Amino acid sequence: MPLPPRWVRRLFLAPGVVLLAFLVVTTLPVWALFAAAVSPLVPGRLRPLRLLWIGCVYLVWDAVALLALFLLWVASGFGWRVRAPAFQRAHYVLAGWFLKVLFWQARWALHLSIDVVGTDPDTALPGRPELVLCRHAGPGDSFILIHALVNWFNREPRIVLKDSLQWDPAVDVLLNRLPNRFLAPGPDGRGSVTEQIGHLARGLDDDDAFVIFPEGGNFTPGRRLRAIDRLRGLGLERMARRAERMRHVLAPQPGGLLAALDAAPDAGVIFVAHTGLDRMLTVADVWRELPMDKRIVMRFWSVPPEEVPTGRQERIDWLFDWWARIDEWIAANRDGAA
């Protein structure tokens, strides 16, 4: 479904979420009684009640975030100074608060824990910008990574995202006010994908983290095979064979990384892998896993800028080498066992 124009999202989607949150909260006892009644008929520990609670929390979270963003918009002179440094910082602080609330609830309702292993952005290159390259698998990994960068490592992320994420009104409003880029398939009048990524990566300062997912989408077995076929269709047989040997990740698309490295040559590079959500690729998977009782492990590897190759083909091979290493780590650490 095509994304509606921004004015439609602001006038209808955002107020609609606030209204829906009000209606759900005021009728919550009815929904809770129904969920409690059907819980004994469903395998697992209180799955309907847990799903109802998480859904309500996320809906209210979205609505409260929209109201807070509206107040910031008014305080900035009805958007006049929303790009000023003070208001940009206020939006990052707000994002940190709301991510803390979201993961507090995830730990409580879903029995999730998140651990970080390896060299993180705080200790790798303090006082320097970072390019953060993360695998993409399962729902929520983007939220987990941004939560870690904002709340644990005091970084201000610039994120490359799919434009479909703008269907979530709070994500839409917040991230469009900060230096991020939603990418749509096909031309959109703002230049090619690599040009947009390069533009976003320019001017990184010492607490910025430029976040990109080189696979371009969540891992699924079907997407893995299509990525291999795409490489063969481009005549890149050697890369296709390398992609075939990687069983848990998609073949990375190097264009975005190349553009970011050219735009931010002084930045370090952080590679991120994670396990714990690997088997949750669909809504049915999430339902089956409730309560999750998962330990999510995020593994960071740091590469200083002087160790990043300089040639185009060398950088592509280097990216594939790292993705093969991430694939090996995932294979050895499935189910969050570090």
Protein backbone atom coordinates (compact mmCIF):
# COMPACT_ATOMS: atom_id res chain seq x y z
CA MET A 1 0.00 0.00 0.00
CA PRO A 2 1.49 3.39 -0.97
CA LEU A 3 2.32 5.79 1.83
CA PRO A 4 -0.14 8.72 2.01
CA PRO A 5 1.22 12.29 1.75
CA ARG A 6 2.62 13.91 4.87
CA TRP A 7 -0.34 16.27 5.32
CA VAL A 8 -2.71 13.28 5.37
CA ARG A 9 -0.56 11.53 7.96
CA ARG A 10 -0.47 14.61 10.17
CA LEU A 11 -4.18 15.48 9.90
CA PHE A 12 -5.66 11.97 10.05
CA LEU A 13 -3.22 9.22 11.09
CA ALA A 14 -1.67 10.99 14.09
CA PRO A 15 -4.98 12.23 15.63
CA GLY A 16 -6.50 8.85 14.82
CA VAL A 17 -3.87 7.07 16.92
CA VAL A 18 -4.52 9.41 19.87
CA LEU A 19 -8.27 8.82 19.60
CA LEU A 20 -7.82 5.06 19.28
CA ALA A 21 -5.56 4.99 22.35
CA PHE A 22 -8.23 6.85 24.35
CA LEU A 23 -10.95 4.42 23.24
CA VAL A 24 -8.84 1.34 24.03
CA VAL A 25 -7.83 2.60 27.47
CA THR A 26 -11.40 3.50 28.43
CA THR A 27 -12.66 0.06 27.35
CA LEU A 28 -9.63 -1.89 28.61
CA PRO A 29 -11.53 -3.81 31.34
CA VAL A 30 -13.77 -5.35 28.69
CA TRP A 31 -10.82 -6.41 26.54
CA ALA A 32 -8.97 -7.71 29.59
CA LEU A 33 -11.93 -9.87 30.67
CA PHE A 34 -12.22 -11.32 27.16
CA ALA A 35 -8.47 -12.04 26.98
CA ALA A 36 -8.52 -13.65 30.42
CA ALA A 37 -11.48 -15.82 29.42
CA VAL A 38 -9.81 -17.19 26.29
CA SER A 39 -6.32 -17.55 27.84
CA PRO A 40 -6.97 -21.07 29.25
CA LEU A 41 -7.96 -22.19 25.74
CA VAL A 42 -4.68 -21.03 24.20
CA PRO A 43 -1.33 -22.81 24.66
CA GLY A 44 1.32 -20.85 26.52
CA ARG A 45 1.28 -18.66 29.60
CA LEU A 46 -1.45 -16.03 29.29
CA ARG A 47 -0.68 -15.29 25.67
CA PRO A 48 -3.83 -13.28 24.90
CA LEU A 49 -3.39 -11.15 28.03
CA ARG A 50 0.29 -10.53 27.28
CA LEU A 51 -0.46 -9.63 23.67
CA LEU A 52 -3.28 -7.31 24.74
CA TRP A 53 -1.03 -5.58 27.27
CA ILE A 54 1.85 -5.07 24.83
CA GLY A 55 -0.54 -3.80 22.16
CA CYS A 56 -2.14 -1.33 24.58
CA VAL A 57 1.23 -0.17 25.89
CA TYR A 58 2.54 0.45 22.38
CA LEU A 59 -0.63 2.29 21.34
CA VAL A 60 -0.59 4.53 24.43
CA TRP A 61 3.18 4.98 23.99
CA ASP A 62 2.59 6.19 20.43
CA ALA A 63 -0.19 8.56 21.50
CA VAL A 64 1.74 10.09 24.43
CA ALA A 65 4.78 10.54 22.20
CA LEU A 66 2.64 12.38 19.64
CA LEU A 67 1.26 14.70 22.32
CA ALA A 68 4.78 15.43 23.61
CA LEU A 69 5.97 16.08 20.05
CA PHE A 70 3.06 18.45 19.53
CA LEU A 71 4.07 20.40 22.64
CA LEU A 72 7.66 20.61 21.37
CA TRP A 73 6.36 21.86 18.03
CA VAL A 74 4.36 24.60 19.78
CA ALA A 75 7.32 25.51 22.02
CA SER A 76 9.58 25.82 18.96
CA GLY A 77 7.37 28.57 17.56
CA PHE A 78 4.96 26.23 15.77
CA GLY A 79 7.89 24.54 14.05
CA TRP A 80 9.90 27.70 13.32
CA ARG A 81 12.91 26.66 15.46
CA VAL A 82 12.38 22.91 15.48
CA ARG A 83 15.72 22.42 13.64
CA ALA A 84 17.63 24.60 16.12
CA PRO A 85 20.28 22.70 18.16
CA ALA A 86 18.40 23.05 21.45
CA PHE A 87 15.21 21.56 20.01
CA GLN A 88 17.12 18.85 18.14
CA ARG A 89 18.69 17.84 21.47
CA ALA A 90 15.26 17.94 23.13
CA HIS A 91 13.95 15.50 20.52
CA TYR A 92 16.85 13.10 21.16
CA VAL A 93 16.20 13.29 24.92
CA LEU A 94 12.50 12.61 24.32
CA ALA A 95 13.37 9.63 22.12
CA GLY A 96 15.59 8.26 24.89
CA TRP A 97 12.84 8.56 27.49
CA PHE A 98 10.27 6.80 25.35
CA LEU A 99 12.67 4.01 24.37
CA LYS A 100 13.44 3.43 28.06
CA VAL A 101 9.72 3.07 28.78
CA LEU A 102 9.23 0.71 25.85
CA PHE A 103 12.04 -1.61 26.91
CA TRP A 104 11.07 -1.47 30.56
CA GLN A 105 7.70 -2.89 29.50
CA ALA A 106 9.31 -5.42 27.15
CA ARG A 107 11.45 -6.76 29.97
CA TRP A 108 8.45 -7.00 32.27
CA ALA A 109 5.79 -8.38 29.92
CA LEU A 110 7.88 -10.46 27.52
CA HIS A 111 10.73 -11.50 29.83
CA LEU A 112 13.37 -9.98 27.54
CA SER A 113 16.92 -9.14 28.53
CA ILE A 114 19.46 -7.33 26.36
CA ASP A 115 23.22 -7.74 26.74
CA VAL A 116 26.02 -6.03 24.80
CA VAL A 117 29.22 -7.94 24.03
CA GLY A 118 32.39 -6.59 22.49
CA THR A 119 33.70 -3.08 21.88
CA ASP A 120 30.86 -0.59 22.07
CA PRO A 121 30.75 2.98 20.66
CA ASP A 122 31.53 4.44 24.10
CA THR A 123 34.93 2.80 24.40
CA ALA A 124 35.91 2.21 20.78
CA LEU A 125 36.51 5.73 19.50
CA PRO A 126 35.39 8.27 22.09
CA GLY A 127 34.99 11.74 20.68
CA ARG A 128 34.70 10.54 17.06
CA PRO A 129 31.69 9.80 14.87
CA GLU A 130 30.77 6.21 14.05
CA LEU A 131 29.21 4.44 11.08
CA VAL A 132 27.10 1.64 12.58
CA LEU A 133 26.31 -1.31 10.30
CA CYS A 134 23.78 -3.78 11.69
CA ARG A 135 22.26 -7.04 10.48
CA HIS A 136 18.48 -6.93 10.09
CA ALA A 137 16.44 -9.87 11.38
CA GLY A 138 13.19 -10.07 13.26
CA PRO A 139 10.93 -7.35 14.65
CA GLY A 140 12.35 -4.83 17.04
CA ASP A 141 16.06 -5.00 16.27
CA SER A 142 16.06 -1.40 15.02
CA PHE A 143 14.44 -0.23 18.29
CA ILE A 144 16.95 -2.23 20.34
CA LEU A 145 19.95 -0.78 18.51
CA ILE A 146 18.73 2.82 18.73
CA HIS A 147 17.85 2.31 22.42
CA ALA A 148 21.43 1.16 23.05
CA LEU A 149 22.99 4.04 21.09
CA VAL A 150 20.85 6.76 22.69
CA ASN A 151 20.50 5.55 26.28
CA TRP A 152 23.67 3.53 26.90
CA PHE A 153 26.25 5.24 24.72
CA ASN A 154 24.92 8.83 24.56
CA ARG A 155 25.04 8.93 20.78
CA GLU A 156 22.76 10.92 18.47
CA PRO A 157 21.81 8.52 15.67
CA ARG A 158 21.24 9.41 12.04
CA ILE A 159 19.29 6.49 10.61
CA VAL A 160 18.61 5.18 7.12
CA LEU A 161 15.13 3.60 7.15
CA LYS A 162 12.45 2.26 4.86
CA ASP A 163 9.73 4.79 4.08
CA SER A 164 7.02 2.30 5.16
CA LEU A 165 8.00 2.91 8.80
CA GLN A 166 6.28 6.28 8.48
CA TRP A 167 2.97 4.46 8.87
CA ASP A 168 3.74 4.67 12.61
CA PRO A 169 2.80 8.30 13.41
CA ALA A 170 5.21 8.78 16.33
CA VAL A 171 8.14 7.35 14.36
CA ASP A 172 7.08 9.47 11.39
CA VAL A 173 6.92 12.77 13.28
CA LEU A 174 9.97 12.27 15.51
CA LEU A 175 12.41 10.95 12.93
CA ASN A 176 11.40 13.44 10.24
CA ARG A 177 12.35 16.26 12.64
CA LEU A 178 15.83 14.77 13.17
CA PRO A 179 18.56 14.13 10.58
CA ASN A 180 17.33 10.79 9.26
CA ARG A 181 16.39 9.57 5.81
CA PHE A 182 13.38 7.44 4.83
CA LEU A 183 14.11 5.71 1.55
CA ALA A 184 11.38 4.75 -0.90
CA PRO A 185 11.81 2.28 -3.76
CA GLY A 186 12.34 4.01 -7.08
CA PRO A 187 13.09 7.69 -7.76
CA ASP A 188 11.55 10.21 -5.37
CA GLY A 189 13.02 13.49 -6.60
CA ARG A 190 15.77 13.66 -3.96
CA GLY A 191 18.48 11.83 -5.89
CA SER A 192 19.52 8.19 -5.91
CA VAL A 193 19.63 6.11 -2.75
CA THR A 194 23.41 6.36 -2.53
CA GLU A 195 23.28 10.14 -3.03
CA GLN A 196 20.77 10.50 -0.21
CA ILE A 197 22.85 8.30 2.09
CA GLY A 198 26.00 10.27 1.29
CA HIS A 199 24.21 13.55 1.97
CA LEU A 200 22.96 12.28 5.35
CA ALA A 201 26.45 11.10 6.37
CA ARG A 202 28.08 14.50 5.79
CA GLY A 203 29.00 16.69 8.75
CA LEU A 204 28.92 14.03 11.48
CA ASP A 205 30.16 15.37 14.81
CA ASP A 206 31.82 13.63 17.75
CA ASP A 207 28.64 12.18 19.30
CA ASP A 208 26.87 11.13 16.09
CA ALA A 209 26.25 7.54 15.01
CA PHE A 210 25.24 6.98 11.39
CA VAL A 211 23.09 3.81 11.35
CA ILE A 212 22.54 1.72 8.24
CA PHE A 213 21.28 -1.81 7.60
CA PRO A 214 23.26 -3.01 4.54
CA GLU A 215 20.96 -5.98 3.88
CA GLY A 216 18.13 -3.59 3.01
CA GLY A 217 15.44 -5.58 4.82
CA ASN A 218 14.71 -8.25 7.43
CA PHE A 219 16.29 -11.63 6.85
CA THR A 220 14.03 -14.36 5.51
CA PRO A 221 15.06 -17.50 3.61
CA GLY A 222 13.22 -16.24 0.53
CA ARG A 223 14.95 -12.87 0.57
CA ARG A 224 18.29 -14.60 0.98
CA LEU A 225 17.73 -16.60 -2.20
CA ARG A 226 16.49 -13.52 -4.08
CA ALA A 227 19.59 -11.58 -3.02
CA ILE A 228 21.80 -14.37 -4.37
CA ASP A 229 19.84 -14.44 -7.64
CA ARG A 230 20.18 -10.66 -7.93
CA LEU A 231 23.96 -10.92 -7.66
CA ARG A 232 24.01 -13.57 -10.36
CA GLY A 233 21.76 -11.44 -12.54
CA LEU A 234 24.31 -8.65 -12.28
CA GLY A 235 27.08 -11.01 -13.33
CA LEU A 236 28.67 -11.04 -9.86
CA GLU A 237 29.19 -14.79 -9.65
CA ARG A 238 31.98 -14.63 -7.05
CA MET A 239 29.84 -12.52 -4.72
CA ALA A 240 26.87 -14.84 -5.30
CA ARG A 241 28.96 -17.82 -4.23
CA ARG A 242 30.09 -15.96 -1.13
CA ALA A 243 26.46 -15.10 -0.33
CA GLU A 244 25.49 -18.77 -0.69
CA ARG A 245 27.95 -19.69 2.05
CA MET A 246 26.26 -17.25 4.46
CA ARG A 247 23.21 -19.02 5.92
CA HIS A 248 21.89 -16.52 8.49
CA VAL A 249 22.25 -13.13 6.77
CA LEU A 250 21.38 -11.55 3.44
CA ALA A 251 24.09 -10.53 1.01
CA PRO A 252 24.96 -6.93 1.98
CA GLN A 253 24.33 -4.15 -0.53
CA PRO A 254 27.54 -2.08 -0.55
CA GLY A 255 26.31 1.14 -2.20
CA GLY A 256 25.14 2.80 1.01
CA LEU A 257 28.33 1.97 2.91
CA LEU A 258 30.53 3.25 0.08
CA ALA A 259 28.63 6.55 0.00
CA ALA A 260 28.82 6.93 3.79
CA LEU A 261 32.56 6.17 3.89
CA ASP A 262 33.22 8.76 1.18
CA ALA A 263 31.11 11.36 3.02
CA ALA A 264 32.60 10.65 6.50
CA PRO A 265 36.22 9.51 6.00
CA ASP A 266 37.17 10.29 9.63
CA ALA A 267 34.46 8.09 11.14
CA GLY A 268 35.11 4.73 12.72
CA VAL A 269 32.99 1.73 11.78
CA ILE A 270 30.99 -0.43 14.19
CA PHE A 271 29.61 -3.77 12.97
CA VAL A 272 26.64 -5.11 14.98
CA ALA A 273 25.21 -8.62 15.10
CA HIS A 274 22.48 -9.89 17.40
CA THR A 275 20.77 -13.13 18.31
CA GLY A 276 17.64 -13.98 20.24
CA LEU A 277 15.00 -12.86 17.74
CA ASP A 278 16.09 -15.05 14.84
CA ARG A 279 13.02 -17.27 14.74
CA MET A 280 10.49 -14.43 14.94
CA LEU A 281 10.05 -13.39 11.33
CA THR A 282 6.24 -13.13 11.19
CA VAL A 283 3.33 -12.17 13.45
CA ALA A 284 2.59 -15.89 13.84
CA ASP A 285 6.17 -16.45 15.03
CA VAL A 286 5.83 -13.69 17.63
CA TRP A 287 2.53 -15.19 18.86
CA ARG A 288 4.06 -18.66 19.13
CA GLU A 289 7.04 -17.38 21.15
CA LEU A 290 5.00 -15.46 23.78
CA PRO A 291 6.12 -15.12 26.51
CA MET A 292 9.48 -14.79 24.83
CA ASP A 293 11.82 -15.41 27.78
CA LYS A 294 14.66 -14.36 25.49
CA ARG A 295 18.16 -13.13 26.11
CA ILE A 296 19.03 -10.85 23.21
CA VAL A 297 22.78 -10.52 22.73
CA MET A 298 24.20 -7.67 20.66
CA ARG A 299 27.81 -8.14 19.51
CA PHE A 300 29.83 -5.03 18.57
CA TRP A 301 33.06 -5.01 16.59
CA SER A 302 34.98 -1.75 16.16
CA VAL A 303 37.17 -0.79 13.20
CA PRO A 304 39.16 2.47 13.44
CA PRO A 305 39.12 4.69 10.33
CA GLU A 306 42.78 4.00 9.48
CA GLU A 307 41.96 0.28 9.06
CA VAL A 308 39.13 0.85 6.57
CA PRO A 309 40.21 -0.01 2.98
CA THR A 310 40.37 2.84 0.50
CA GLY A 311 39.62 1.22 -2.88
CA ARG A 312 36.06 0.60 -4.01
CA GLN A 313 36.44 -3.14 -4.69
CA GLU A 314 38.54 -3.55 -1.56
CA ARG A 315 35.75 -2.00 0.48
CA ILE A 316 33.14 -4.29 -1.09
CA ASP A 317 35.26 -7.37 -0.34
CA TRP A 318 35.87 -6.06 3.19
CA LEU A 319 32.11 -5.66 3.76
CA PHE A 320 31.47 -9.24 2.56
CA ASP A 321 34.30 -10.47 4.82
CA TRP A 322 32.66 -8.83 7.82
CA TRP A 323 29.24 -10.14 6.89
CA ALA A 324 30.68 -13.66 6.68
CA ARG A 325 32.14 -13.14 10.16
CA ILE A 326 28.74 -11.98 11.44
CA ASP A 327 27.13 -15.06 9.86
CA GLU A 328 29.63 -17.32 11.66
CA TRP A 329 28.99 -15.58 14.97
CA ILE A 330 25.22 -15.99 14.59
CA ALA A 331 25.62 -19.68 13.77
CA ALA A 332 27.67 -20.16 16.96
CA ASN A 333 25.39 -18.05 19.20
CA ARG A 334 21.81 -18.83 18.22
CA ASP A 335 19.07 -18.29 20.81
CA GLY A 336 21.06 -15.63 22.65
CA ALA A 337 23.69 -18.01 24.04
CA ALA A 338 26.91 -15.99 24.02
